Protein backbone atom coordinates (compact mmCIF):
# COMPACT_ATOMS: atom_id res chain seq x y z
CA MET A 1 1.57 -166.61 39.86
CA THR A 2 1.55 -170.35 40.62
CA GLU A 3 -0.14 -171.15 43.92
CA THR A 4 2.38 -171.26 46.77
CA LYS A 5 1.08 -174.58 48.07
CA THR A 6 2.06 -176.32 44.80
CA ALA A 7 5.42 -174.57 44.43
CA ALA A 8 8.77 -176.29 44.90
CA LEU A 9 10.69 -173.03 44.56
CA GLU A 10 9.44 -169.52 45.17
CA PHE A 11 10.98 -166.06 44.87
CA ARG A 12 9.25 -163.44 47.03
CA ASN A 13 9.93 -159.73 46.51
CA ILE A 14 13.54 -160.37 45.52
CA ASP A 15 15.99 -157.47 45.13
CA ILE A 16 19.57 -158.27 44.13
CA LEU A 17 22.00 -155.35 44.05
CA PHE A 18 25.75 -155.16 43.49
CA ASP A 19 27.79 -152.37 45.06
CA ARG A 20 30.55 -151.06 42.77
CA SER A 21 31.21 -147.96 44.86
CA GLY A 22 32.69 -149.44 48.03
CA ARG A 23 30.91 -146.75 50.03
CA ARG A 24 29.23 -147.59 53.30
CA GLY A 25 25.43 -147.47 53.05
CA ALA A 26 25.35 -147.50 49.24
CA ILE A 27 23.04 -150.53 49.07
CA GLU A 28 20.58 -149.04 51.58
CA ALA A 29 20.55 -145.77 49.63
CA ALA A 30 19.96 -147.67 46.39
CA LEU A 31 17.03 -149.59 47.92
CA ALA A 32 15.46 -146.31 49.04
CA ARG A 33 15.78 -144.91 45.51
CA LEU A 34 14.40 -148.14 44.06
CA ASP A 35 11.36 -147.90 46.34
CA ALA A 36 10.92 -144.27 45.25
CA GLY A 37 10.60 -145.43 41.63
CA GLU A 38 14.01 -144.56 40.24
CA THR A 39 15.25 -146.65 37.32
CA ARG A 40 18.16 -149.04 37.27
CA GLU A 41 20.10 -146.56 35.10
CA GLU A 42 19.45 -143.63 37.44
CA ILE A 43 20.55 -145.60 40.51
CA GLY A 44 23.67 -146.88 38.79
CA ARG A 45 24.67 -143.40 37.65
CA ALA A 46 24.07 -141.76 41.05
CA LEU A 47 25.40 -144.43 43.41
CA LYS A 48 27.49 -146.86 41.35
CA VAL A 49 25.17 -149.66 42.49
CA THR A 50 23.95 -152.16 39.89
CA VAL A 51 20.34 -153.32 40.25
CA GLY A 52 20.45 -156.94 39.09
CA VAL A 53 16.88 -157.89 40.04
CA ALA A 54 14.12 -155.72 41.45
CA GLY A 55 10.86 -156.81 43.10
CA ALA A 56 10.82 -160.29 41.55
CA ASN A 57 7.97 -162.62 42.47
CA LEU A 58 7.87 -166.05 40.88
CA ALA A 59 6.68 -169.50 41.96
CA VAL A 60 7.92 -172.63 40.20
CA ALA A 61 5.52 -175.55 40.50
CA ARG A 62 6.75 -179.00 41.39
CA GLY A 63 7.62 -181.00 38.28
CA GLU A 64 7.45 -178.13 35.77
CA ILE A 65 10.03 -176.53 33.48
CA SER A 66 9.91 -172.80 34.17
CA VAL A 67 11.89 -170.71 31.68
CA LEU A 68 13.40 -167.30 32.43
CA MET A 69 13.80 -165.19 29.29
CA GLY A 70 15.12 -161.77 28.45
CA LEU A 71 17.80 -159.86 26.61
CA SER A 72 21.37 -159.77 27.85
CA GLY A 73 21.43 -157.91 31.18
CA SER A 74 17.72 -158.44 31.86
CA GLY A 75 18.42 -160.23 35.16
CA LYS A 76 17.41 -163.76 34.21
CA SER A 77 20.70 -165.45 35.16
CA THR A 78 21.01 -163.21 38.21
CA LEU A 79 17.64 -164.41 39.47
CA LEU A 80 18.39 -168.07 38.67
CA ARG A 81 21.62 -167.89 40.69
CA ALA A 82 19.69 -166.67 43.71
CA ALA A 83 18.02 -170.10 43.83
CA ASN A 84 21.23 -171.65 45.19
CA ARG A 85 22.60 -168.38 46.63
CA LEU A 86 25.38 -167.92 44.13
CA ASN A 87 23.76 -164.49 44.16
CA ARG A 88 22.49 -163.41 47.57
CA PRO A 89 19.41 -161.17 47.64
CA VAL A 90 19.66 -158.01 49.72
CA ARG A 91 15.91 -158.18 50.28
CA GLY A 92 13.22 -160.82 49.91
CA GLU A 93 12.95 -164.59 50.31
CA VAL A 94 13.97 -167.56 48.17
CA ARG A 95 11.83 -170.37 49.51
CA ILE A 96 12.36 -174.05 48.83
CA GLY A 97 9.53 -176.33 49.88
CA ASN A 98 8.96 -180.02 50.46
CA GLY A 99 5.14 -179.84 50.44
CA SER A 100 4.75 -179.10 54.12
CA ALA A 101 7.62 -176.84 55.23
CA TRP A 102 9.67 -174.00 53.75
CA LEU A 103 13.28 -172.92 54.05
CA ASP A 104 14.60 -169.49 53.01
CA ILE A 105 17.77 -170.07 51.00
CA ALA A 106 18.57 -166.37 51.13
CA ARG A 107 18.90 -166.44 54.92
CA CYS A 108 19.85 -170.01 55.92
CA ASP A 109 23.20 -170.74 57.58
CA ASP A 110 26.22 -171.92 55.57
CA GLU A 111 26.00 -175.55 56.70
CA THR A 112 22.35 -175.80 55.63
CA LEU A 113 23.21 -174.15 52.31
CA ARG A 114 26.00 -176.67 51.65
CA GLU A 115 23.60 -179.52 52.35
CA LEU A 116 20.98 -178.05 50.01
CA ARG A 117 23.54 -177.73 47.22
CA LYS A 118 24.60 -181.35 47.72
CA THR A 119 21.15 -182.91 47.92
CA ARG A 120 18.27 -180.64 46.87
CA ILE A 121 19.50 -178.24 44.16
CA ALA A 122 21.80 -179.07 41.21
CA MET A 123 23.08 -176.78 38.47
CA VAL A 124 23.86 -177.34 34.79
CA PHE A 125 26.12 -174.63 33.36
CA GLN A 126 26.31 -173.06 29.90
CA GLN A 127 29.97 -174.05 29.44
CA PHE A 128 29.41 -177.54 30.88
CA GLY A 129 31.46 -176.96 34.08
CA LEU A 130 33.25 -180.30 33.77
CA LEU A 131 36.58 -181.27 35.36
CA PRO A 132 38.91 -181.93 32.40
CA TRP A 133 41.35 -184.12 34.36
CA ARG A 134 38.58 -186.57 35.28
CA SER A 135 36.91 -189.25 33.18
CA VAL A 136 33.27 -189.04 32.17
CA ARG A 137 32.37 -191.51 34.93
CA ASP A 138 34.26 -189.55 37.58
CA ASN A 139 32.67 -186.26 36.47
CA VAL A 140 29.19 -187.73 36.81
CA GLY A 141 29.98 -189.12 40.25
CA PHE A 142 31.70 -186.00 41.58
CA GLY A 143 28.74 -184.75 43.64
CA LEU A 144 28.22 -188.19 45.15
CA GLU A 145 31.91 -188.35 46.01
CA LEU A 146 31.61 -185.03 47.88
CA ARG A 147 28.81 -186.55 49.93
CA GLY A 148 31.13 -189.37 51.00
CA MET A 149 29.07 -192.06 49.30
CA ALA A 150 30.61 -195.53 49.17
CA PRO A 151 32.37 -196.24 45.82
CA SER A 152 30.24 -199.32 45.04
CA ILE A 153 26.97 -197.44 45.49
CA ARG A 154 28.35 -194.42 43.65
CA ARG A 155 29.38 -196.54 40.68
CA GLU A 156 25.91 -198.09 40.44
CA ILE A 157 24.21 -194.68 40.39
CA VAL A 158 26.69 -193.29 37.87
CA GLU A 159 26.14 -196.22 35.49
CA GLU A 160 22.38 -195.71 35.72
CA LYS A 161 22.62 -191.99 34.89
CA LEU A 162 25.08 -192.54 32.05
CA ALA A 163 22.61 -195.00 30.53
CA LEU A 164 19.85 -192.43 31.02
CA VAL A 165 21.67 -189.90 28.81
CA GLY A 166 23.06 -192.46 26.36
CA LEU A 167 26.74 -192.28 27.36
CA SER A 168 27.39 -195.74 28.79
CA ASN A 169 29.98 -196.50 26.12
CA TRP A 170 31.90 -193.32 26.96
CA ALA A 171 32.19 -193.82 30.72
CA ASP A 172 36.00 -194.15 30.71
CA ALA A 173 36.67 -191.42 28.13
CA GLN A 174 38.20 -188.07 29.02
CA VAL A 175 35.78 -185.19 28.62
CA HIS A 176 37.96 -183.49 25.98
CA GLU A 177 37.35 -186.50 23.72
CA LEU A 178 33.61 -185.73 23.63
CA SER A 179 31.69 -183.37 21.37
CA GLY A 180 29.97 -180.33 22.86
CA GLY A 181 26.60 -182.05 22.88
CA MET A 182 28.02 -185.10 24.61
CA GLN A 183 29.77 -182.94 27.20
CA GLN A 184 26.48 -181.28 27.99
CA ARG A 185 24.95 -184.73 28.49
CA VAL A 186 27.67 -185.43 31.03
CA GLY A 187 26.60 -182.27 32.84
CA LEU A 188 22.98 -183.45 32.80
CA ALA A 189 23.96 -186.90 34.07
CA ARG A 190 25.97 -185.31 36.90
CA ALA A 191 22.97 -183.22 37.93
CA PHE A 192 20.62 -186.21 37.75
CA ALA A 193 23.06 -188.35 39.77
CA THR A 194 22.56 -186.13 42.83
CA ASP A 195 18.82 -186.93 42.66
CA ALA A 196 18.20 -183.25 43.41
CA ASP A 197 14.58 -182.09 43.45
CA ILE A 198 15.42 -178.85 41.65
CA LEU A 199 17.65 -178.37 38.61
CA LEU A 200 18.97 -174.93 37.67
CA MET A 201 19.95 -174.71 34.00
CA ASP A 202 21.70 -171.52 32.86
CA GLU A 203 21.49 -171.41 29.04
CA PRO A 204 22.78 -175.00 28.93
CA PHE A 205 22.38 -175.46 25.17
CA SER A 206 23.29 -171.99 23.87
CA ALA A 207 26.93 -172.88 23.11
CA LEU A 208 25.85 -175.72 20.80
CA ASP A 209 25.03 -175.66 17.10
CA PRO A 210 21.29 -175.53 16.24
CA LEU A 211 20.87 -179.21 15.30
CA ILE A 212 22.52 -180.47 18.50
CA ARG A 213 20.59 -177.90 20.53
CA ARG A 214 17.23 -179.10 19.19
CA LYS A 215 18.21 -182.72 19.82
CA LEU A 216 19.13 -181.99 23.44
CA GLN A 217 15.91 -180.03 23.92
CA ASP A 218 13.97 -183.10 22.78
CA GLU A 219 16.04 -185.34 25.03
CA LEU A 220 15.50 -183.05 28.02
CA MET A 221 11.73 -183.13 27.47
CA ASP A 222 11.78 -186.93 27.21
CA LEU A 223 13.83 -187.20 30.41
CA GLN A 224 11.50 -184.78 32.17
CA LYS A 225 8.49 -186.97 31.36
CA ARG A 226 10.19 -189.79 33.25
CA LEU A 227 11.93 -187.91 36.06
CA LYS A 228 9.50 -185.03 36.69
CA LYS A 229 12.13 -182.71 38.15
CA THR A 230 11.46 -179.08 39.00
CA ILE A 231 13.55 -177.15 36.47
CA LEU A 232 14.35 -173.45 36.34
CA PHE A 233 15.83 -172.86 32.89
CA VAL A 234 17.42 -169.67 31.54
CA SER A 235 17.25 -169.05 27.79
CA HIS A 236 17.58 -166.17 25.34
CA ASP A 237 15.86 -168.17 22.56
CA ILE A 238 12.08 -167.66 22.39
CA ASP A 239 11.55 -170.77 20.26
CA GLU A 240 13.45 -172.86 22.83
CA ALA A 241 11.41 -171.36 25.67
CA LEU A 242 8.08 -171.98 23.95
CA LYS A 243 9.11 -175.54 23.09
CA ILE A 244 10.27 -176.75 26.50
CA GLY A 245 8.64 -174.41 29.02
CA SER A 246 5.55 -175.25 31.07
CA ARG A 247 5.62 -171.57 32.06
CA ILE A 248 7.69 -168.69 30.73
CA THR A 249 8.81 -165.52 32.48
CA ILE A 250 9.93 -162.49 30.47
CA MET A 251 12.34 -160.13 32.25
CA ARG A 252 13.48 -156.61 31.40
CA GLU A 253 15.99 -154.43 33.25
CA GLY A 254 15.83 -156.64 36.32
CA ARG A 255 12.05 -156.81 36.55
CA ILE A 256 9.56 -159.52 35.66
CA ILE A 257 7.26 -158.25 32.90
CA GLN A 258 5.04 -161.28 32.28
CA THR A 259 4.74 -164.88 33.47
CA GLY A 260 2.43 -167.37 31.79
CA THR A 261 2.01 -170.50 29.73
CA PRO A 262 3.53 -170.60 26.24
CA ASP A 263 0.07 -169.80 24.84
CA ASP A 264 -0.26 -166.82 27.19
CA ILE A 265 3.06 -165.41 26.05
CA ALA A 266 2.54 -166.16 22.35
CA LEU A 267 -1.07 -165.02 22.03
CA ARG A 268 -1.70 -162.68 24.98
CA PRO A 269 1.41 -160.51 25.48
CA VAL A 270 0.79 -157.97 28.27
CA ASN A 271 2.48 -155.05 26.51
CA ASP A 272 4.33 -153.94 23.39
CA TYR A 273 7.69 -155.06 24.80
CA VAL A 274 6.57 -158.69 25.12
CA ALA A 275 4.81 -158.53 21.74
CA GLU A 276 8.02 -157.33 20.10
CA PHE A 277 10.04 -159.94 21.99
CA ILE A 278 8.01 -162.80 20.53
CA ARG A 279 7.46 -161.27 17.09
CA HIS A 280 10.02 -163.48 15.36
CA MET A 281 9.06 -166.74 17.07
CA ASN A 282 8.23 -169.82 15.01
CA PRO A 283 4.61 -170.69 15.97
CA LEU A 284 4.48 -174.08 14.23
CA PRO A 285 5.93 -176.30 16.99
CA THR A 286 4.68 -174.29 19.97
CA ILE A 287 1.03 -173.26 19.48
CA LEU A 288 -1.36 -176.13 20.26
CA ALA A 289 -4.72 -177.08 18.77
CA SER A 290 -6.38 -176.22 22.10
CA THR A 291 -5.49 -172.58 21.49
CA PHE A 292 -6.75 -171.95 17.97
CA MET A 293 -9.56 -174.49 17.53
CA ARG A 294 -13.23 -173.49 17.69
CA ARG A 295 -15.07 -175.36 20.42
CA PHE A 296 -18.32 -177.11 19.57
CA HIS A 297 -20.20 -175.42 22.42
CA ASP A 298 -19.42 -172.02 20.84
CA LEU A 299 -20.86 -173.01 17.45
CA PRO A 300 -24.53 -172.73 16.37
CA LEU A 301 -26.80 -175.66 15.63
CA ARG A 302 -28.35 -176.14 12.19
CA ALA A 303 -32.03 -176.87 11.67
CA ASP A 304 -31.23 -180.59 11.30
CA GLY A 305 -29.52 -180.66 14.71
CA MET A 306 -25.96 -180.80 13.38
CA ILE A 307 -23.27 -178.46 14.68
CA ASP A 308 -22.61 -175.73 12.11
CA GLY A 309 -18.86 -175.39 11.55
CA GLY A 310 -19.17 -173.31 8.40
CA ASN A 311 -17.92 -175.58 5.61
CA ILE A 312 -18.40 -178.68 7.78
CA ALA A 313 -21.34 -179.99 9.82
CA ILE A 314 -20.91 -182.37 12.76
CA GLY A 315 -23.61 -184.78 13.85
CA PRO A 316 -24.91 -185.20 17.42
CA ASP A 317 -22.58 -188.16 18.01
CA ALA A 318 -19.72 -186.00 16.66
CA ARG A 319 -18.48 -188.86 14.50
CA ALA A 320 -20.83 -188.37 11.56
CA VAL A 321 -19.75 -185.34 9.55
CA ARG A 322 -21.03 -183.71 6.37
CA ILE A 323 -19.17 -181.48 3.94
CA GLY A 324 -21.61 -179.95 1.48
CA ASP A 325 -23.96 -182.81 0.66
CA GLN A 326 -21.29 -185.50 1.17
CA GLU A 327 -21.20 -187.76 4.25
CA ARG A 328 -17.71 -188.33 5.63
CA VAL A 329 -16.12 -190.62 8.18
CA ALA A 330 -14.18 -189.12 11.12
CA THR A 331 -11.12 -191.13 12.09
CA ALA A 332 -7.94 -190.71 14.16
CA HIS A 333 -5.18 -189.03 12.15
CA HIS A 334 -2.85 -192.05 12.48
CA GLU A 335 -5.62 -194.28 11.05
CA TRP A 336 -6.29 -191.91 8.17
CA VAL A 337 -7.88 -193.21 4.97
CA ARG A 338 -8.64 -191.25 1.83
CA GLY A 339 -11.87 -189.26 2.10
CA ALA A 340 -11.82 -189.25 5.92
CA VAL A 341 -11.93 -186.23 8.23
CA CYS A 342 -9.02 -186.52 10.64
CA ILE A 343 -9.32 -186.36 14.44
CA VAL A 344 -6.26 -184.99 16.27
CA PRO A 345 -5.43 -184.67 19.99
CA VAL A 346 -5.91 -181.34 21.72
CA GLY A 347 -2.15 -181.13 22.36
CA MET A 348 -1.13 -181.41 18.70
CA SER A 349 1.05 -178.53 17.48
CA LEU A 350 0.03 -176.04 14.82
CA GLY A 351 2.63 -177.43 12.41
CA GLU A 352 1.29 -180.97 12.80
CA VAL A 353 -2.33 -179.80 12.39
CA ILE A 354 -1.36 -178.07 9.15
CA ALA A 355 0.25 -181.28 7.87
CA VAL A 356 -2.87 -183.30 8.73
CA ARG A 357 -5.13 -180.69 7.12
CA GLN A 358 -3.04 -180.72 3.93
CA ARG A 359 -3.06 -184.50 3.75
CA SER A 360 -6.80 -184.96 4.19
CA GLY A 361 -7.99 -181.81 2.43
CA PHE A 362 -10.71 -181.30 5.08
CA PRO A 363 -11.13 -179.37 8.33
CA VAL A 364 -9.61 -181.15 11.32
CA LEU A 365 -11.59 -182.29 14.39
CA VAL A 366 -10.02 -182.08 17.84
CA GLU A 367 -10.48 -184.49 20.72
CA ASP A 368 -9.60 -184.43 24.41
CA GLU A 369 -9.42 -187.74 26.29
CA GLY A 370 -11.51 -189.51 23.66
CA ARG A 371 -14.21 -186.82 23.41
CA LEU A 372 -14.53 -184.57 20.36
CA ILE A 373 -14.59 -180.95 21.46
CA GLY A 374 -13.77 -178.70 18.51
CA LEU A 375 -12.50 -178.16 14.98
CA CYS A 376 -9.82 -176.31 13.02
CA ASP A 377 -10.23 -175.08 9.48
CA ASP A 378 -8.10 -172.90 7.21
CA ALA A 379 -9.29 -169.64 8.81
CA ASP A 380 -8.38 -170.90 12.30
CA ILE A 381 -4.93 -171.94 11.09
CA LEU A 382 -4.29 -168.62 9.35
CA GLN A 383 -5.31 -166.64 12.42
CA ALA A 384 -3.00 -168.77 14.57
CA LEU A 385 -0.14 -168.10 12.15
CA SER A 386 -0.84 -164.38 12.42
CA GLY A 387 -0.58 -164.58 16.22
CA GLU A 388 -4.28 -164.32 17.00
CA ALA A 389 -6.72 -166.77 18.56
CA ARG A 390 -10.06 -167.28 16.83
CA HIS A 391 -13.25 -167.49 18.88
CA GLY A 392 -16.67 -168.54 17.68
């Protein structure tokens, strides 16, 4: 789990239960059964209490996109909605931090909660959540209006956020005049206008067609590079999660099964359930060269002092390379010339590495901050495609 001291949002031992029985003491009885190891199904059948989330621990680092994933009913949206107390935990803490102090959202008073929702935590809904009788501009400024902000200041902020999401020309339009993708941009602009530290995004792109969804994913990632918000994002799409997530959490039947980086989830699933969950993912845009390359320090040296990469040898300065008895030049992939061995950044995706490899016809060298550190050849690429990492 992410270190608490770097977290902006943290769930500690969260249990969220819903009483359908109306009987006094049903929740307490359900907690006792949960602690005794009974399943969600057993508790629901015996007590008519639904276990939404059980024993959830998760820390979301400041400035990261943390994605909650799982099948329908896994608890991902239930946990997300505890972050602004739309769902109130019956046990545990939901801690929001500012770097030096913490506040438990699950237990704070109503006035504090209202202030947090106005200033610290914003939400972007799956079905946009826009007010159809208001213009685009007035929808974006709605949260600022609730704060009592002066109209002149509000208008300035709204114009800035509309420009940020590319909707300046639509400011006076009614929301029903906009496409689904544009309506979702209005929702993003409204969330950004509050200048909230934390954004909660509950399957915001799932109602959109695939092309628009991918475009908005790219736009969100570009915006995040500039704004560096802390984002908790719910998705049911593994490719979406691997594309946008700094960290991914897989949930099942209300419990967290695995949390890790996209590489952890894709290449090191903790059990068969996670392995099956990711089995149909597209690895090309999500697995990075850092994962499947062979590092120079793991490779043997030849008698002539060159690093032995199998069908390629790399000289001591790592720029002189030899394939068979032919000397080659190593050059950055965007400066590629015929006969050169391409150098790619450590963060290049598997799909891009394959394209570079096909273009040059040679193994690909990998650099990190200007220093060559490893290589990728056909065997490395094939093992990455099969879902395995190659070592040595």
